[in-house]
Amino acid sequence: MSDAPFLSPPLEIERRFIDHNGHVNMAYHLVLADTALDLAFCEIKGEDYVARRGMTTFAAEMHVRYLREMSAHDEIRGRVRWIAADEKRAHWAVELVRGSDGAVVTTVEGVSLSVSVETRRVAPYPEDIAGRLAAAARADEAGARDLGWLGRRVTMMGR
């Protein structure tokens, strides 16, 4: 199912995620992608990053694509790729993948900022964390290039 550096365990689809159309509401696609991203960040930063380092990450920008419906009974995993990183930012991509057929149901591309919990301002990642993020992006450079949907702008298809 994955050649990405991080593949989440199955993500829980809660009953409240299902909308009047009988599928996972668009807002919860993002909740599931964010959960996968948090798990991937945890591998880089450690579980007690906020308490131990006084640092966190905030979302800065995202682009979500809804490609297929997701139901309450689907097994969904998040495939996370680190695209690039510098001292204060991480560019990443998440694909939500359905286990039964391997279909990518949602893609999310975004940038997260390193933030000091105390000042609530952007601050450099600790040196070891910045190094891990940069190494992860370098290690998956070829895989990230294969994501033809990265960097797309919002537009009406075919126009």
N, C-alpha and C. Protein backbone atom coordinates (compact mmCIF):
# COMPACT_ATOMS: atom_id res chain seq x y z
N MET A 1 0.81 -1.20 0.00
CA MET A 1 0.00 0.00 0.00
C MET A 1 0.85 1.26 0.00
N SER A 2 2.14 1.15 0.37
CA SER A 2 2.89 2.39 0.47
C SER A 2 4.37 2.19 0.25
N ASP A 3 4.95 3.15 -0.44
CA ASP A 3 6.38 3.28 -0.49
C ASP A 3 6.80 4.57 0.19
N ALA A 4 5.83 5.24 0.81
CA ALA A 4 6.10 6.50 1.51
C ALA A 4 6.81 6.21 2.82
N PRO A 5 7.54 7.20 3.32
CA PRO A 5 8.26 7.01 4.58
C PRO A 5 7.35 6.77 5.77
N PHE A 6 6.09 7.23 5.70
CA PHE A 6 5.19 7.03 6.82
C PHE A 6 3.82 6.59 6.31
N LEU A 7 3.32 5.50 6.88
CA LEU A 7 1.96 5.03 6.62
C LEU A 7 1.30 4.85 7.98
N SER A 8 0.21 5.56 8.20
CA SER A 8 -0.47 5.50 9.50
C SER A 8 -1.15 4.16 9.70
N PRO A 9 -1.44 3.84 10.93
CA PRO A 9 -2.36 2.72 11.18
C PRO A 9 -3.74 3.14 10.68
N PRO A 10 -4.70 2.20 10.61
CA PRO A 10 -6.05 2.59 10.19
C PRO A 10 -6.57 3.75 11.06
N LEU A 11 -7.17 4.72 10.40
CA LEU A 11 -7.69 5.91 11.07
C LEU A 11 -9.16 5.71 11.38
N GLU A 12 -9.57 6.08 12.58
CA GLU A 12 -10.95 5.85 13.02
C GLU A 12 -11.93 6.81 12.34
N ILE A 13 -12.93 6.25 11.70
CA ILE A 13 -14.01 7.05 11.13
C ILE A 13 -15.16 7.00 12.13
N GLU A 14 -15.37 8.10 12.82
CA GLU A 14 -16.41 8.17 13.83
C GLU A 14 -17.79 8.35 13.18
N ARG A 15 -18.80 7.92 13.87
CA ARG A 15 -20.18 8.04 13.37
C ARG A 15 -20.54 9.48 13.02
N ARG A 16 -20.07 10.43 13.83
CA ARG A 16 -20.39 11.83 13.61
C ARG A 16 -19.76 12.39 12.33
N PHE A 17 -18.79 11.67 11.74
CA PHE A 17 -18.16 12.10 10.49
C PHE A 17 -19.10 11.94 9.29
N ILE A 18 -20.13 11.10 9.43
CA ILE A 18 -21.03 10.79 8.32
C ILE A 18 -22.09 11.88 8.20
N ASP A 19 -22.26 12.41 7.00
CA ASP A 19 -23.21 13.50 6.80
C ASP A 19 -24.52 13.03 6.17
N HIS A 20 -25.36 13.97 5.80
CA HIS A 20 -26.67 13.67 5.24
C HIS A 20 -26.60 12.95 3.89
N ASN A 21 -25.44 12.95 3.26
CA ASN A 21 -25.26 12.22 2.00
C ASN A 21 -24.84 10.77 2.23
N GLY A 22 -24.62 10.40 3.49
CA GLY A 22 -24.24 9.03 3.81
C GLY A 22 -22.77 8.72 3.63
N HIS A 23 -21.96 9.77 3.49
CA HIS A 23 -20.51 9.56 3.39
C HIS A 23 -19.78 10.50 4.36
N VAL A 24 -18.47 10.33 4.47
CA VAL A 24 -17.68 11.18 5.35
C VAL A 24 -17.74 12.61 4.82
N ASN A 25 -18.15 13.54 5.68
CA ASN A 25 -18.24 14.95 5.34
C ASN A 25 -16.86 15.50 5.02
N MET A 26 -16.81 16.50 4.15
CA MET A 26 -15.53 17.04 3.69
C MET A 26 -14.63 17.51 4.83
N ALA A 27 -15.20 18.09 5.88
CA ALA A 27 -14.39 18.57 7.00
C ALA A 27 -13.63 17.43 7.66
N TYR A 28 -14.22 16.26 7.70
CA TYR A 28 -13.59 15.13 8.38
C TYR A 28 -12.53 14.44 7.54
N HIS A 29 -12.56 14.66 6.23
CA HIS A 29 -11.42 14.21 5.41
C HIS A 29 -10.16 14.90 5.94
N LEU A 30 -10.29 16.20 6.21
CA LEU A 30 -9.16 16.96 6.72
C LEU A 30 -8.77 16.52 8.13
N VAL A 31 -9.74 16.19 8.96
CA VAL A 31 -9.46 15.68 10.31
C VAL A 31 -8.62 14.40 10.21
N LEU A 32 -9.01 13.51 9.32
CA LEU A 32 -8.27 12.25 9.16
C LEU A 32 -6.87 12.50 8.62
N ALA A 33 -6.73 13.40 7.65
CA ALA A 33 -5.41 13.73 7.12
C ALA A 33 -4.54 14.35 8.20
N ASP A 34 -5.12 15.23 9.01
CA ASP A 34 -4.38 15.87 10.09
C ASP A 34 -3.94 14.85 11.14
N THR A 35 -4.77 13.87 11.40
CA THR A 35 -4.41 12.82 12.35
C THR A 35 -3.19 12.05 11.84
N ALA A 36 -3.20 11.69 10.55
CA ALA A 36 -2.05 10.99 9.96
C ALA A 36 -0.81 11.87 10.03
N LEU A 37 -0.96 13.16 9.72
CA LEU A 37 0.19 14.07 9.77
C LEU A 37 0.73 14.18 11.19
N ASP A 38 -0.16 14.29 12.18
CA ASP A 38 0.28 14.35 13.58
C ASP A 38 1.10 13.12 13.95
N LEU A 39 0.66 11.95 13.51
CA LEU A 39 1.39 10.71 13.80
C LEU A 39 2.76 10.72 13.14
N ALA A 40 2.83 11.22 11.91
CA ALA A 40 4.11 11.30 11.21
C ALA A 40 5.04 12.31 11.89
N PHE A 41 4.49 13.47 12.28
CA PHE A 41 5.29 14.46 13.00
C PHE A 41 5.79 13.89 14.31
N CYS A 42 4.98 13.08 14.97
CA CYS A 42 5.38 12.47 16.24
C CYS A 42 6.64 11.62 16.07
N GLU A 43 6.74 10.93 14.95
CA GLU A 43 7.96 10.14 14.70
C GLU A 43 9.19 11.02 14.57
N ILE A 44 9.01 12.23 14.06
CA ILE A 44 10.12 13.16 13.88
C ILE A 44 10.44 13.91 15.18
N LYS A 45 9.39 14.40 15.85
CA LYS A 45 9.56 15.30 17.01
C LYS A 45 9.54 14.59 18.35
N GLY A 46 8.97 13.39 18.41
CA GLY A 46 8.79 12.71 19.69
C GLY A 46 7.44 13.04 20.29
N GLU A 47 6.98 12.17 21.17
CA GLU A 47 5.63 12.30 21.74
C GLU A 47 5.47 13.50 22.67
N ASP A 48 6.53 13.90 23.34
CA ASP A 48 6.41 14.96 24.34
C ASP A 48 7.06 16.27 23.87
N TYR A 49 7.00 16.53 22.59
CA TYR A 49 7.65 17.69 21.98
C TYR A 49 7.21 19.00 22.62
N VAL A 50 5.92 19.19 22.80
CA VAL A 50 5.41 20.44 23.37
C VAL A 50 5.90 20.61 24.80
N ALA A 51 5.74 19.59 25.62
CA ALA A 51 6.13 19.68 27.03
C ALA A 51 7.65 19.77 27.20
N ARG A 52 8.38 18.98 26.44
CA ARG A 52 9.83 18.89 26.61
C ARG A 52 10.57 20.06 25.97
N ARG A 53 10.09 20.47 24.79
CA ARG A 53 10.81 21.49 24.02
C ARG A 53 10.14 22.87 24.05
N GLY A 54 8.88 22.94 24.48
CA GLY A 54 8.16 24.21 24.45
C GLY A 54 7.90 24.69 23.03
N MET A 55 7.84 23.73 22.10
CA MET A 55 7.63 24.04 20.69
C MET A 55 6.45 23.24 20.17
N THR A 56 5.86 23.72 19.09
CA THR A 56 4.77 23.02 18.43
C THR A 56 4.79 23.36 16.96
N THR A 57 3.80 22.90 16.22
CA THR A 57 3.65 23.30 14.82
C THR A 57 2.22 23.81 14.61
N PHE A 58 2.11 24.80 13.76
CA PHE A 58 0.82 25.35 13.35
C PHE A 58 0.69 25.18 11.84
N ALA A 59 -0.53 24.98 11.39
CA ALA A 59 -0.80 24.94 9.95
C ALA A 59 -0.66 26.35 9.38
N ALA A 60 -0.06 26.45 8.21
CA ALA A 60 0.08 27.75 7.54
C ALA A 60 -0.74 27.79 6.25
N GLU A 61 -0.77 26.67 5.54
CA GLU A 61 -1.48 26.65 4.26
C GLU A 61 -1.80 25.21 3.92
N MET A 62 -2.94 25.00 3.25
CA MET A 62 -3.33 23.66 2.82
C MET A 62 -4.13 23.71 1.52
N HIS A 63 -4.00 22.65 0.77
CA HIS A 63 -4.81 22.46 -0.45
C HIS A 63 -5.35 21.04 -0.37
N VAL A 64 -6.68 20.91 -0.32
CA VAL A 64 -7.33 19.61 -0.18
C VAL A 64 -8.02 19.26 -1.49
N ARG A 65 -7.87 18.00 -1.91
CA ARG A 65 -8.60 17.48 -3.07
C ARG A 65 -9.41 16.27 -2.62
N TYR A 66 -10.70 16.30 -2.92
CA TYR A 66 -11.61 15.21 -2.60
C TYR A 66 -11.80 14.39 -3.87
N LEU A 67 -11.27 13.18 -3.91
CA LEU A 67 -11.25 12.40 -5.14
C LEU A 67 -12.31 11.31 -5.18
N ARG A 68 -12.64 10.73 -4.02
CA ARG A 68 -13.62 9.65 -3.96
C ARG A 68 -14.38 9.76 -2.65
N GLU A 69 -15.55 9.14 -2.63
CA GLU A 69 -16.31 9.09 -1.39
C GLU A 69 -15.62 8.17 -0.39
N MET A 70 -15.86 8.45 0.87
CA MET A 70 -15.36 7.63 1.96
C MET A 70 -16.57 7.28 2.83
N SER A 71 -16.71 5.99 3.17
CA SER A 71 -17.85 5.58 3.99
C SER A 71 -17.39 5.19 5.39
N ALA A 72 -18.37 4.98 6.25
CA ALA A 72 -18.09 4.63 7.64
C ALA A 72 -17.35 3.30 7.77
N HIS A 73 -17.50 2.43 6.80
CA HIS A 73 -16.91 1.09 6.89
C HIS A 73 -15.57 0.97 6.19
N ASP A 74 -15.09 2.04 5.57
CA ASP A 74 -13.80 1.98 4.88
C ASP A 74 -12.65 1.95 5.88
N GLU A 75 -11.63 1.18 5.54
CA GLU A 75 -10.37 1.26 6.29
C GLU A 75 -9.53 2.29 5.56
N ILE A 76 -9.17 3.35 6.26
CA ILE A 76 -8.42 4.46 5.68
C ILE A 76 -7.10 4.61 6.42
N ARG A 77 -6.04 4.75 5.65
CA ARG A 77 -4.72 5.03 6.21
C ARG A 77 -4.18 6.30 5.56
N GLY A 78 -3.31 6.98 6.28
CA GLY A 78 -2.68 8.19 5.75
C GLY A 78 -1.25 7.91 5.34
N ARG A 79 -0.96 8.20 4.08
CA ARG A 79 0.40 8.06 3.55
C ARG A 79 1.00 9.46 3.55
N VAL A 80 2.08 9.66 4.31
CA VAL A 80 2.66 11.00 4.50
C VAL A 80 4.04 11.06 3.86
N ARG A 81 4.25 12.12 3.12
CA ARG A 81 5.57 12.39 2.51
C ARG A 81 6.04 13.77 2.95
N TRP A 82 7.31 13.85 3.28
CA TRP A 82 7.93 15.13 3.60
C TRP A 82 8.53 15.66 2.30
N ILE A 83 8.07 16.80 1.84
CA ILE A 83 8.49 17.35 0.56
C ILE A 83 9.74 18.21 0.71
N ALA A 84 9.74 19.10 1.68
CA ALA A 84 10.88 19.99 1.92
C ALA A 84 10.78 20.52 3.34
N ALA A 85 11.89 20.99 3.85
CA ALA A 85 11.91 21.59 5.18
C ALA A 85 13.05 22.58 5.26
N ASP A 86 12.82 23.63 6.03
CA ASP A 86 13.90 24.55 6.36
C ASP A 86 13.86 24.81 7.86
N GLU A 87 14.49 25.83 8.34
CA GLU A 87 14.60 26.02 9.78
C GLU A 87 13.28 26.29 10.49
N LYS A 88 12.27 26.76 9.74
CA LYS A 88 11.00 27.12 10.38
C LYS A 88 9.76 26.52 9.72
N ARG A 89 9.93 25.83 8.59
CA ARG A 89 8.77 25.34 7.85
C ARG A 89 8.97 23.90 7.42
N ALA A 90 7.84 23.20 7.28
CA ALA A 90 7.84 21.85 6.71
C ALA A 90 6.73 21.78 5.66
N HIS A 91 7.11 21.36 4.47
CA HIS A 91 6.17 21.18 3.36
C HIS A 91 5.92 19.68 3.28
N TRP A 92 4.65 19.29 3.28
CA TRP A 92 4.29 17.87 3.36
C TRP A 92 3.10 17.56 2.46
N ALA A 93 2.89 16.27 2.25
CA ALA A 93 1.75 15.79 1.47
C ALA A 93 1.17 14.57 2.18
N VAL A 94 -0.16 14.52 2.24
CA VAL A 94 -0.86 13.37 2.82
C VAL A 94 -1.83 12.84 1.77
N GLU A 95 -1.81 11.53 1.59
CA GLU A 95 -2.82 10.86 0.78
C GLU A 95 -3.60 9.94 1.70
N LEU A 96 -4.92 10.06 1.70
CA LEU A 96 -5.76 9.12 2.43
C LEU A 96 -6.08 7.99 1.47
N VAL A 97 -5.74 6.78 1.88
CA VAL A 97 -5.83 5.61 1.00
C VAL A 97 -6.80 4.60 1.58
N ARG A 98 -7.73 4.13 0.73
CA ARG A 98 -8.70 3.12 1.15
C ARG A 98 -8.06 1.74 1.03
N GLY A 99 -8.16 0.96 2.10
CA GLY A 99 -7.52 -0.35 2.15
C GLY A 99 -8.11 -1.37 1.21
N SER A 100 -9.41 -1.36 0.98
CA SER A 100 -10.05 -2.41 0.19
C SER A 100 -9.62 -2.40 -1.27
N ASP A 101 -9.33 -1.22 -1.83
CA ASP A 101 -8.96 -1.16 -3.24
C ASP A 101 -7.72 -0.32 -3.52
N GLY A 102 -7.10 0.23 -2.47
CA GLY A 102 -5.89 1.03 -2.65
C GLY A 102 -6.14 2.40 -3.26
N ALA A 103 -7.41 2.80 -3.39
CA ALA A 103 -7.73 4.08 -4.00
C ALA A 103 -7.33 5.24 -3.09
N VAL A 104 -6.75 6.26 -3.68
CA VAL A 104 -6.49 7.51 -2.97
C VAL A 104 -7.81 8.28 -2.97
N VAL A 105 -8.37 8.50 -1.78
CA VAL A 105 -9.66 9.18 -1.69
C VAL A 105 -9.53 10.68 -1.47
N THR A 106 -8.44 11.10 -0.86
CA THR A 106 -8.23 12.51 -0.55
C THR A 106 -6.73 12.79 -0.59
N THR A 107 -6.37 13.97 -1.10
CA THR A 107 -4.99 14.42 -0.98
C THR A 107 -5.00 15.77 -0.27
N VAL A 108 -3.98 15.98 0.55
CA VAL A 108 -3.81 17.26 1.23
C VAL A 108 -2.34 17.64 1.13
N GLU A 109 -2.09 18.82 0.63
CA GLU A 109 -0.72 19.37 0.59
C GLU A 109 -0.69 20.57 1.50
N GLY A 110 0.37 20.72 2.26
CA GLY A 110 0.41 21.86 3.15
C GLY A 110 1.78 22.23 3.63
N VAL A 111 1.80 23.31 4.37
CA VAL A 111 3.01 23.80 5.02
C VAL A 111 2.67 24.02 6.48
N SER A 112 3.53 23.52 7.35
CA SER A 112 3.40 23.74 8.79
C SER A 112 4.55 24.61 9.25
N LEU A 113 4.29 25.43 10.25
CA LEU A 113 5.29 26.34 10.81
C LEU A 113 5.72 25.87 12.19
N SER A 114 6.99 26.03 12.48
CA SER A 114 7.50 25.78 13.82
C SER A 114 7.18 27.00 14.68
N VAL A 115 6.57 26.74 15.85
CA VAL A 115 6.08 27.83 16.70
C VAL A 115 6.51 27.60 18.15
N SER A 116 6.94 28.67 18.80
CA SER A 116 7.23 28.65 20.23
C SER A 116 5.91 28.68 20.99
N VAL A 117 5.72 27.75 21.91
CA VAL A 117 4.50 27.72 22.70
C VAL A 117 4.42 28.99 23.57
N GLU A 118 5.54 29.43 24.08
CA GLU A 118 5.56 30.59 24.98
C GLU A 118 5.18 31.88 24.25
N THR A 119 5.79 32.15 23.11
CA THR A 119 5.57 33.43 22.41
C THR A 119 4.44 33.36 21.39
N ARG A 120 4.04 32.14 21.00
CA ARG A 120 3.03 31.93 19.96
C ARG A 120 3.47 32.54 18.63
N ARG A 121 4.77 32.59 18.42
CA ARG A 121 5.35 33.13 17.19
C ARG A 121 6.20 32.06 16.52
N VAL A 122 6.37 32.24 15.21
CA VAL A 122 7.22 31.32 14.46
C VAL A 122 8.63 31.42 15.01
N ALA A 123 9.23 30.24 15.22
CA ALA A 123 10.60 30.15 15.75
C ALA A 123 11.27 28.94 15.12
N PRO A 124 12.59 28.94 15.03
CA PRO A 124 13.27 27.81 14.39
C PRO A 124 13.00 26.49 15.12
N TYR A 125 12.92 25.42 14.33
CA TYR A 125 12.88 24.09 14.93
C TYR A 125 14.16 23.88 15.71
N PRO A 126 14.13 23.11 16.79
CA PRO A 126 15.39 22.70 17.40
C PRO A 126 16.26 22.04 16.33
N GLU A 127 17.55 22.19 16.46
CA GLU A 127 18.49 21.74 15.42
C GLU A 127 18.30 20.26 15.05
N ASP A 128 18.10 19.40 16.04
CA ASP A 128 17.94 17.98 15.73
C ASP A 128 16.65 17.69 14.97
N ILE A 129 15.58 18.42 15.29
CA ILE A 129 14.31 18.23 14.60
C ILE A 129 14.40 18.74 13.17
N ALA A 130 15.01 19.91 12.99
CA ALA A 130 15.21 20.45 11.64
C ALA A 130 16.02 19.47 10.80
N GLY A 131 17.02 18.87 11.41
CA GLY A 131 17.84 17.89 10.69
C GLY A 131 17.06 16.65 10.29
N ARG A 132 16.19 16.17 11.20
CA ARG A 132 15.37 14.99 10.87
C ARG A 132 14.37 15.28 9.76
N LEU A 133 13.75 16.45 9.81
CA LEU A 133 12.80 16.82 8.75
C LEU A 133 13.50 16.95 7.40
N ALA A 134 14.65 17.62 7.39
CA ALA A 134 15.40 17.78 6.13
C ALA A 134 15.85 16.42 5.61
N ALA A 135 16.31 15.55 6.49
CA ALA A 135 16.75 14.21 6.07
C ALA A 135 15.58 13.40 5.52
N ALA A 136 14.41 13.52 6.15
CA ALA A 136 13.23 12.79 5.67
C ALA A 136 12.84 13.28 4.28
N ALA A 137 12.90 14.59 4.05
CA ALA A 137 12.57 15.13 2.73
C ALA A 137 13.59 14.68 1.69
N ARG A 138 14.86 14.68 2.02
CA ARG A 138 15.90 14.21 1.09
C ARG A 138 15.71 12.73 0.77
N ALA A 139 15.39 11.95 1.79
CA ALA A 139 15.25 10.50 1.61
C ALA A 139 14.07 10.15 0.70
N ASP A 140 13.07 10.99 0.65
CA ASP A 140 11.88 10.69 -0.15
C ASP A 140 11.75 11.61 -1.35
N GLU A 141 12.85 12.20 -1.79
CA GLU A 141 12.81 13.14 -2.90
C GLU A 141 12.20 12.53 -4.17
N ALA A 142 12.60 11.31 -4.50
CA ALA A 142 12.08 10.66 -5.72
C ALA A 142 10.58 10.39 -5.58
N GLY A 143 10.14 9.89 -4.42
CA GLY A 143 8.72 9.61 -4.21
C GLY A 143 7.88 10.86 -4.29
N ALA A 144 8.39 11.96 -3.75
CA ALA A 144 7.66 13.22 -3.79
C ALA A 144 7.52 13.73 -5.22
N ARG A 145 8.55 13.54 -6.03
CA ARG A 145 8.49 13.97 -7.44
C ARG A 145 7.39 13.23 -8.20
N ASP A 146 7.08 12.01 -7.77
CA ASP A 146 6.05 11.21 -8.44
C ASP A 146 4.63 11.67 -8.13
N LEU A 147 4.46 12.57 -7.19
CA LEU A 147 3.13 13.08 -6.86
C LEU A 147 2.79 14.21 -7.83
N GLY A 148 2.17 13.87 -8.94
CA GLY A 148 1.86 14.85 -9.96
C GLY A 148 0.88 15.93 -9.54
N TRP A 149 0.23 15.74 -8.42
CA TRP A 149 -0.76 16.71 -7.95
C TRP A 149 -0.17 17.80 -7.06
N LEU A 150 1.09 17.70 -6.68
CA LEU A 150 1.68 18.73 -5.81
C LEU A 150 1.74 20.09 -6.51
N GLY A 151 1.49 21.13 -5.74
CA GLY A 151 1.63 22.49 -6.24
C GLY A 151 0.51 22.96 -7.14
N ARG A 152 -0.54 22.18 -7.24
CA ARG A 152 -1.67 22.58 -8.10
C ARG A 152 -2.38 23.78 -7.50
N ARG A 153 -2.93 24.58 -8.35
CA ARG A 153 -3.75 25.70 -7.88
C ARG A 153 -5.22 25.31 -7.99
N VAL A 154 -6.05 26.00 -7.28
CA VAL A 154 -7.47 25.75 -7.35
C VAL A 154 -7.99 26.31 -8.66
N THR A 155 -8.69 25.48 -9.42
CA THR A 155 -9.22 25.88 -10.70
C THR A 155 -10.36 24.96 -11.08
N MET A 156 -11.15 25.40 -12.05
CA MET A 156 -12.19 24.52 -12.61
C MET A 156 -11.52 23.64 -13.64
N MET A 157 -11.69 22.33 -13.52
CA MET A 157 -11.06 21.39 -14.44
C MET A 157 -11.42 21.72 -15.89
N GLY A 158 -10.46 21.61 -16.79
CA GLY A 158 -10.70 21.78 -18.20
C GLY A 158 -10.86 23.22 -18.65
N ARG A 159 -10.56 24.16 -17.79
CA ARG A 159 -10.66 25.57 -18.18
C ARG A 159 -9.33 26.27 -18.05
